[in-house]
Every structure is written in C-alpha cells, then in structure tokens.
Amino acid sequence: MNTADSRDVSEVLDRVETWPPSLRITLARRILETVERSYMVEEPLRGVPVEKVVGLLKTASPPPSDEECARIVEEERMRRYT
C-alpha cells in the first residue's frame, strides 16, 4: 500500500469512527461483500463425476452368493497365511 492509499484509508477511518456501531457494521459487511464477489472462484471438481462412476464396476455376471463370498474369503486367507 503506498502513501496515498494509506492516507485515503486513514481519512475513511477517521470519518466512520464517529458513526454509530450499527452503521459501521453495515459498511463493513458491504465492503466484505464486494471483496467476496471479486474473489469468488468456482471450486474445482474433485474426483470423478457420479455420472462416470455409475456402472464402473458393473459386470454382465450376477453378484456372488453369500456362500461364494465366504469361499473366496477363506481361499484368500489360506493363500495369505500359508
């Protein structure tokens, strides 16, 4: 901030110090709103959109039964611990 900007800010502060608190708060909110509008950036999308995920793991075969799942888990345990 250069000297001219500092002087402008000081002048504004000197002027608004005499205002009632509610009016100063209103001014502060309006200033913040102008900053928010000028700096609003759309958040980048994270990950993969849901539309692309749907069906990603879908197969033509039916899902395994509970018995098949139990057998697969048991086979993996045996393989891991032998």
N, C-alpha and C. Protein backbone atom coordinates (compact mmCIF):
# COMPACT_ATOMS: atom_id res chain seq x y z
N MET A 1 0.86 -1.18 0.00
CA MET A 1 0.00 0.00 0.00
C MET A 1 0.90 1.23 0.00
N ASN A 2 0.66 2.14 -0.92
CA ASN A 2 1.51 3.33 -1.00
C ASN A 2 0.98 4.41 -0.05
N THR A 3 1.69 5.51 0.02
CA THR A 3 1.35 6.59 0.96
C THR A 3 -0.02 7.17 0.69
N ALA A 4 -0.36 7.35 -0.59
CA ALA A 4 -1.67 7.91 -0.94
C ALA A 4 -2.78 6.98 -0.49
N ASP A 5 -2.60 5.67 -0.69
CA ASP A 5 -3.61 4.71 -0.25
C ASP A 5 -3.75 4.73 1.27
N SER A 6 -2.63 4.80 1.97
CA SER A 6 -2.66 4.84 3.43
C SER A 6 -3.40 6.07 3.92
N ARG A 7 -3.17 7.17 3.26
CA ARG A 7 -3.84 8.42 3.63
C ARG A 7 -5.35 8.29 3.41
N ASP A 8 -5.74 7.70 2.26
CA ASP A 8 -7.17 7.51 1.98
C ASP A 8 -7.83 6.64 3.03
N VAL A 9 -7.16 5.55 3.39
CA VAL A 9 -7.72 4.65 4.39
C VAL A 9 -7.85 5.38 5.73
N SER A 10 -6.83 6.14 6.10
CA SER A 10 -6.88 6.89 7.36
C SER A 10 -8.03 7.89 7.37
N GLU A 11 -8.22 8.56 6.25
CA GLU A 11 -9.32 9.53 6.16
C GLU A 11 -10.67 8.84 6.31
N VAL A 12 -10.83 7.71 5.66
CA VAL A 12 -12.10 6.97 5.77
C VAL A 12 -12.32 6.52 7.20
N LEU A 13 -11.28 5.96 7.81
CA LEU A 13 -11.42 5.50 9.20
C LEU A 13 -11.76 6.66 10.14
N ASP A 14 -11.10 7.79 9.96
CA ASP A 14 -11.41 8.97 10.79
C ASP A 14 -12.87 9.37 10.64
N ARG A 15 -13.36 9.27 9.42
CA ARG A 15 -14.74 9.70 9.17
C ARG A 15 -15.75 8.72 9.77
N VAL A 16 -15.51 7.41 9.60
CA VAL A 16 -16.51 6.44 10.06
C VAL A 16 -16.45 6.18 11.56
N GLU A 17 -15.37 6.60 12.22
CA GLU A 17 -15.28 6.41 13.67
C GLU A 17 -16.39 7.13 14.42
N THR A 18 -16.92 8.15 13.83
CA THR A 18 -17.99 8.90 14.50
C THR A 18 -19.37 8.30 14.26
N TRP A 19 -19.46 7.36 13.34
CA TRP A 19 -20.74 6.73 13.03
C TRP A 19 -21.16 5.79 14.15
N PRO A 20 -22.47 5.56 14.27
CA PRO A 20 -22.93 4.58 15.26
C PRO A 20 -22.46 3.17 14.86
N PRO A 21 -22.28 2.29 15.85
CA PRO A 21 -21.77 0.94 15.57
C PRO A 21 -22.56 0.18 14.50
N SER A 22 -23.87 0.30 14.52
CA SER A 22 -24.67 -0.45 13.55
C SER A 22 -24.36 -0.02 12.12
N LEU A 23 -24.14 1.27 11.91
CA LEU A 23 -23.83 1.77 10.58
C LEU A 23 -22.42 1.33 10.15
N ARG A 24 -21.48 1.32 11.09
CA ARG A 24 -20.12 0.85 10.76
C ARG A 24 -20.12 -0.64 10.41
N ILE A 25 -20.93 -1.42 11.14
CA ILE A 25 -21.03 -2.85 10.84
C ILE A 25 -21.64 -3.06 9.46
N THR A 26 -22.67 -2.29 9.14
CA THR A 26 -23.29 -2.38 7.82
C THR A 26 -22.27 -2.07 6.73
N LEU A 27 -21.47 -1.03 6.93
CA LEU A 27 -20.44 -0.67 5.96
C LEU A 27 -19.42 -1.80 5.81
N ALA A 28 -18.99 -2.35 6.93
CA ALA A 28 -18.01 -3.44 6.89
C ALA A 28 -18.57 -4.64 6.12
N ARG A 29 -19.81 -4.98 6.36
CA ARG A 29 -20.43 -6.11 5.64
C ARG A 29 -20.47 -5.84 4.14
N ARG A 30 -20.85 -4.63 3.78
CA ARG A 30 -20.93 -4.30 2.36
C ARG A 30 -19.56 -4.32 1.70
N ILE A 31 -18.54 -3.89 2.42
CA ILE A 31 -17.18 -3.95 1.88
C ILE A 31 -16.78 -5.40 1.67
N LEU A 32 -17.06 -6.25 2.66
CA LEU A 32 -16.72 -7.68 2.53
C LEU A 32 -17.48 -8.33 1.38
N GLU A 33 -18.72 -7.93 1.17
CA GLU A 33 -19.49 -8.49 0.05
C GLU A 33 -18.83 -8.15 -1.29
N THR A 34 -18.30 -6.93 -1.42
CA THR A 34 -17.65 -6.57 -2.67
C THR A 34 -16.37 -7.38 -2.87
N VAL A 35 -15.67 -7.68 -1.78
CA VAL A 35 -14.46 -8.49 -1.88
C VAL A 35 -14.83 -9.92 -2.25
N GLU A 36 -15.87 -10.47 -1.63
CA GLU A 36 -16.29 -11.84 -1.94
C GLU A 36 -16.67 -11.97 -3.41
N ARG A 37 -17.39 -11.00 -3.93
CA ARG A 37 -17.81 -11.07 -5.33
C ARG A 37 -16.61 -11.03 -6.27
N SER A 38 -15.62 -10.22 -5.94
CA SER A 38 -14.48 -10.10 -6.85
C SER A 38 -13.53 -11.28 -6.76
N TYR A 39 -13.56 -12.02 -5.65
CA TYR A 39 -12.64 -13.14 -5.49
C TYR A 39 -13.32 -14.50 -5.55
N MET A 40 -14.60 -14.52 -5.86
CA MET A 40 -15.29 -15.81 -5.92
C MET A 40 -14.75 -16.61 -7.09
N VAL A 41 -14.22 -17.77 -6.77
CA VAL A 41 -13.68 -18.67 -7.78
C VAL A 41 -14.41 -19.99 -7.61
N GLU A 42 -14.84 -20.53 -8.72
CA GLU A 42 -15.56 -21.79 -8.66
C GLU A 42 -14.60 -22.89 -8.22
N GLU A 43 -15.02 -23.66 -7.23
CA GLU A 43 -14.21 -24.75 -6.71
C GLU A 43 -14.03 -25.80 -7.80
N PRO A 44 -12.81 -26.27 -7.97
CA PRO A 44 -12.62 -27.33 -8.97
C PRO A 44 -13.28 -28.61 -8.50
N LEU A 45 -13.78 -29.37 -9.45
CA LEU A 45 -14.41 -30.64 -9.11
C LEU A 45 -13.35 -31.60 -8.61
N ARG A 46 -13.73 -32.34 -7.58
CA ARG A 46 -12.79 -33.32 -7.04
C ARG A 46 -13.23 -34.70 -7.48
N GLY A 47 -12.28 -35.49 -7.90
CA GLY A 47 -12.57 -36.86 -8.25
C GLY A 47 -13.28 -36.99 -9.58
N VAL A 48 -14.04 -38.06 -9.69
CA VAL A 48 -14.74 -38.40 -10.91
C VAL A 48 -16.22 -38.09 -10.72
N PRO A 49 -16.87 -37.48 -11.70
CA PRO A 49 -18.30 -37.20 -11.56
C PRO A 49 -19.10 -38.49 -11.40
N VAL A 50 -20.19 -38.39 -10.66
CA VAL A 50 -21.03 -39.55 -10.37
C VAL A 50 -21.50 -40.22 -11.66
N GLU A 51 -21.80 -39.44 -12.66
CA GLU A 51 -22.29 -40.00 -13.91
C GLU A 51 -21.28 -40.98 -14.52
N LYS A 52 -19.99 -40.70 -14.34
CA LYS A 52 -18.97 -41.58 -14.90
C LYS A 52 -18.71 -42.80 -14.01
N VAL A 53 -19.03 -42.65 -12.73
CA VAL A 53 -18.78 -43.75 -11.79
C VAL A 53 -19.86 -44.82 -11.89
N VAL A 54 -21.08 -44.41 -12.17
CA VAL A 54 -22.18 -45.36 -12.25
C VAL A 54 -21.86 -46.40 -13.31
N GLY A 55 -21.92 -47.62 -12.91
CA GLY A 55 -21.66 -48.70 -13.84
C GLY A 55 -20.19 -49.04 -14.03
N LEU A 56 -19.31 -48.35 -13.32
CA LEU A 56 -17.88 -48.58 -13.48
C LEU A 56 -17.50 -50.01 -13.13
N LEU A 57 -18.09 -50.55 -12.07
CA LEU A 57 -17.77 -51.92 -11.65
C LEU A 57 -18.84 -52.92 -12.07
N LYS A 58 -19.76 -52.48 -12.86
CA LYS A 58 -20.85 -53.35 -13.29
C LYS A 58 -20.33 -54.41 -14.27
N THR A 59 -20.80 -55.64 -14.05
CA THR A 59 -20.42 -56.74 -14.95
C THR A 59 -21.68 -57.40 -15.48
N ALA A 60 -21.49 -58.24 -16.46
CA ALA A 60 -22.62 -58.96 -17.04
C ALA A 60 -23.06 -60.13 -16.16
N SER A 61 -22.13 -60.62 -15.32
CA SER A 61 -22.47 -61.76 -14.46
C SER A 61 -23.14 -61.29 -13.16
N PRO A 62 -23.95 -62.17 -12.57
CA PRO A 62 -24.62 -61.79 -11.31
C PRO A 62 -23.61 -61.74 -10.17
N PRO A 63 -23.93 -61.02 -9.09
CA PRO A 63 -23.02 -60.95 -7.96
C PRO A 63 -22.89 -62.32 -7.29
N PRO A 64 -21.77 -62.56 -6.60
CA PRO A 64 -21.59 -63.86 -5.94
C PRO A 64 -22.57 -64.02 -4.77
N SER A 65 -22.92 -65.25 -4.50
CA SER A 65 -23.81 -65.54 -3.37
C SER A 65 -23.00 -65.43 -2.08
N ASP A 66 -23.70 -65.52 -0.95
CA ASP A 66 -23.03 -65.46 0.35
C ASP A 66 -22.05 -66.62 0.49
N GLU A 67 -22.44 -67.78 0.01
CA GLU A 67 -21.57 -68.94 0.10
C GLU A 67 -20.30 -68.75 -0.74
N GLU A 68 -20.48 -68.20 -1.94
CA GLU A 68 -19.33 -67.94 -2.80
C GLU A 68 -18.40 -66.91 -2.17
N CYS A 69 -18.98 -65.89 -1.57
CA CYS A 69 -18.17 -64.86 -0.90
C CYS A 69 -17.37 -65.48 0.24
N ALA A 70 -18.03 -66.32 1.04
CA ALA A 70 -17.35 -66.99 2.17
C ALA A 70 -16.20 -67.85 1.65
N ARG A 71 -16.42 -68.56 0.54
CA ARG A 71 -15.39 -69.41 -0.05
C ARG A 71 -14.21 -68.58 -0.55
N ILE A 72 -14.51 -67.45 -1.20
CA ILE A 72 -13.45 -66.57 -1.72
C ILE A 72 -12.62 -66.01 -0.57
N VAL A 73 -13.30 -65.58 0.49
CA VAL A 73 -12.59 -65.03 1.65
C VAL A 73 -11.69 -66.10 2.27
N GLU A 74 -12.22 -67.29 2.43
CA GLU A 74 -11.44 -68.39 3.02
C GLU A 74 -10.23 -68.72 2.14
N GLU A 75 -10.41 -68.74 0.82
CA GLU A 75 -9.30 -69.01 -0.09
C GLU A 75 -8.21 -67.95 0.02
N GLU A 76 -8.63 -66.69 0.14
CA GLU A 76 -7.66 -65.60 0.26
C GLU A 76 -6.91 -65.68 1.59
N ARG A 77 -7.61 -66.07 2.65
CA ARG A 77 -6.94 -66.23 3.95
C ARG A 77 -5.91 -67.34 3.89
N MET A 78 -6.29 -68.45 3.28
CA MET A 78 -5.37 -69.57 3.18
C MET A 78 -4.13 -69.18 2.35
N ARG A 79 -4.37 -68.46 1.29
CA ARG A 79 -3.27 -68.05 0.42
C ARG A 79 -2.34 -67.08 1.15
N ARG A 80 -2.93 -66.17 1.93
CA ARG A 80 -2.15 -65.16 2.63
C ARG A 80 -1.31 -65.77 3.74
N TYR A 81 -1.87 -66.69 4.49
CA TYR A 81 -1.20 -67.19 5.69
C TYR A 81 -0.49 -68.53 5.47
N THR A 82 -0.32 -68.97 4.26
CA THR A 82 0.42 -70.22 4.04
C THR A 82 1.76 -69.95 3.41
